[in-house]
Amino acid sequence: MTKPRNAQTFVAATTQFLAAADWIGPEHAPAVITLRLVAAQLDESMTAPLVAQYNLAYRALLKTRPVDPGADDPLEKALREMEK
């Protein structure tokens, strides 16, 4: 299967993700290494097991992202407004 010239690669997408993920530190090294290694393999040959492994590592890193408590919760927002 040939790739279009301007196609986004898994390696490029992974690099962009990691550059934007300022919360990722040395403690995330195992997941980061897995993500990079699987991304390189996916650029060579895309298989369902590799995609699944990539998604597991990607989601594991996303779950470590700090969340602003109540940022999207309408009830939390209403309660904060009542406290003002």
Protein backbone atom coordinates (compact mmCIF):
# COMPACT_ATOMS: atom_id res chain seq x y z
CA MET A 1 0.00 0.00 0.00
CA THR A 2 1.49 3.35 -1.00
CA LYS A 3 1.10 6.37 1.21
CA PRO A 4 0.15 9.81 -0.12
CA ARG A 5 3.08 12.23 -0.10
CA ASN A 6 1.66 14.52 2.56
CA ALA A 7 0.21 11.78 4.73
CA GLN A 8 0.57 12.16 8.47
CA THR A 9 2.61 9.34 9.92
CA PHE A 10 2.19 7.73 13.32
CA VAL A 11 5.71 8.86 14.21
CA ALA A 12 4.91 12.48 13.28
CA ALA A 13 1.58 12.40 15.11
CA THR A 14 3.25 10.91 18.17
CA THR A 15 5.96 13.56 18.12
CA GLN A 16 3.33 16.30 17.90
CA PHE A 17 1.31 14.77 20.73
CA LEU A 18 4.32 14.44 23.02
CA ALA A 19 5.47 17.99 22.26
CA ALA A 20 2.05 19.34 23.24
CA ALA A 21 1.70 17.12 26.32
CA ASP A 22 3.52 19.27 28.84
CA TRP A 23 2.30 17.11 31.73
CA ILE A 24 4.32 14.09 30.56
CA GLY A 25 7.51 13.62 32.54
CA PRO A 26 10.21 11.02 33.19
CA GLU A 27 7.77 8.90 35.18
CA HIS A 28 5.87 8.26 31.94
CA ALA A 29 8.91 6.86 30.13
CA PRO A 30 7.59 3.29 29.70
CA ALA A 31 4.39 4.48 27.99
CA VAL A 32 6.28 7.06 25.90
CA ILE A 33 8.80 4.47 24.73
CA THR A 34 5.99 2.05 23.87
CA LEU A 35 4.13 4.76 21.97
CA ARG A 36 7.20 5.70 19.91
CA LEU A 37 8.22 2.13 19.14
CA VAL A 38 4.72 1.07 18.10
CA ALA A 39 4.31 4.26 16.04
CA ALA A 40 7.42 3.36 14.04
CA GLN A 41 6.12 -0.17 13.49
CA LEU A 42 2.72 1.16 12.40
CA ASP A 43 4.34 3.38 9.79
CA GLU A 44 5.92 0.26 8.31
CA SER A 45 2.95 -2.09 8.57
CA MET A 46 -0.45 -1.36 10.05
CA THR A 47 -2.00 -4.31 11.84
CA ALA A 48 -4.92 -4.49 14.26
CA PRO A 49 -2.78 -5.68 17.20
CA LEU A 50 -0.32 -2.80 16.70
CA VAL A 51 -3.13 -0.26 16.50
CA ALA A 52 -4.60 -1.69 19.69
CA GLN A 53 -1.23 -1.52 21.46
CA TYR A 54 -0.71 2.07 20.30
CA ASN A 55 -4.16 3.06 21.53
CA LEU A 56 -3.50 1.49 24.94
CA ALA A 57 -0.30 3.47 25.42
CA TYR A 58 -1.89 6.66 24.05
CA ARG A 59 -4.91 6.40 26.34
CA ALA A 60 -2.70 5.59 29.33
CA LEU A 61 -0.85 8.86 28.74
CA LEU A 62 -4.06 10.82 28.21
CA LYS A 63 -5.41 9.56 31.53
CA THR A 64 -2.45 11.15 33.31
CA ARG A 65 -3.36 14.61 32.02
CA PRO A 66 -4.29 16.94 34.89
CA VAL A 67 -7.91 17.98 34.81
CA ASP A 68 -9.37 21.21 36.08
CA PRO A 69 -11.93 19.95 38.60
CA GLY A 70 -15.41 20.90 37.54
CA ALA A 71 -14.28 22.56 34.33
CA ASP A 72 -16.95 20.85 32.24
CA ASP A 73 -19.42 19.88 34.97
CA PRO A 74 -22.52 22.12 34.88
CA LEU A 75 -23.43 21.23 38.47
CA GLU A 76 -19.96 22.15 39.71
CA LYS A 77 -20.16 25.42 37.79
CA ALA A 78 -23.56 26.25 39.32
CA LEU A 79 -22.26 25.48 42.82
CA ARG A 80 -19.25 27.75 42.31
CA GLU A 81 -21.56 30.54 41.13
CA MET A 82 -23.72 30.12 44.25
CA GLU A 83 -20.66 30.48 46.48
CA LYS A 84 -19.83 33.91 45.04
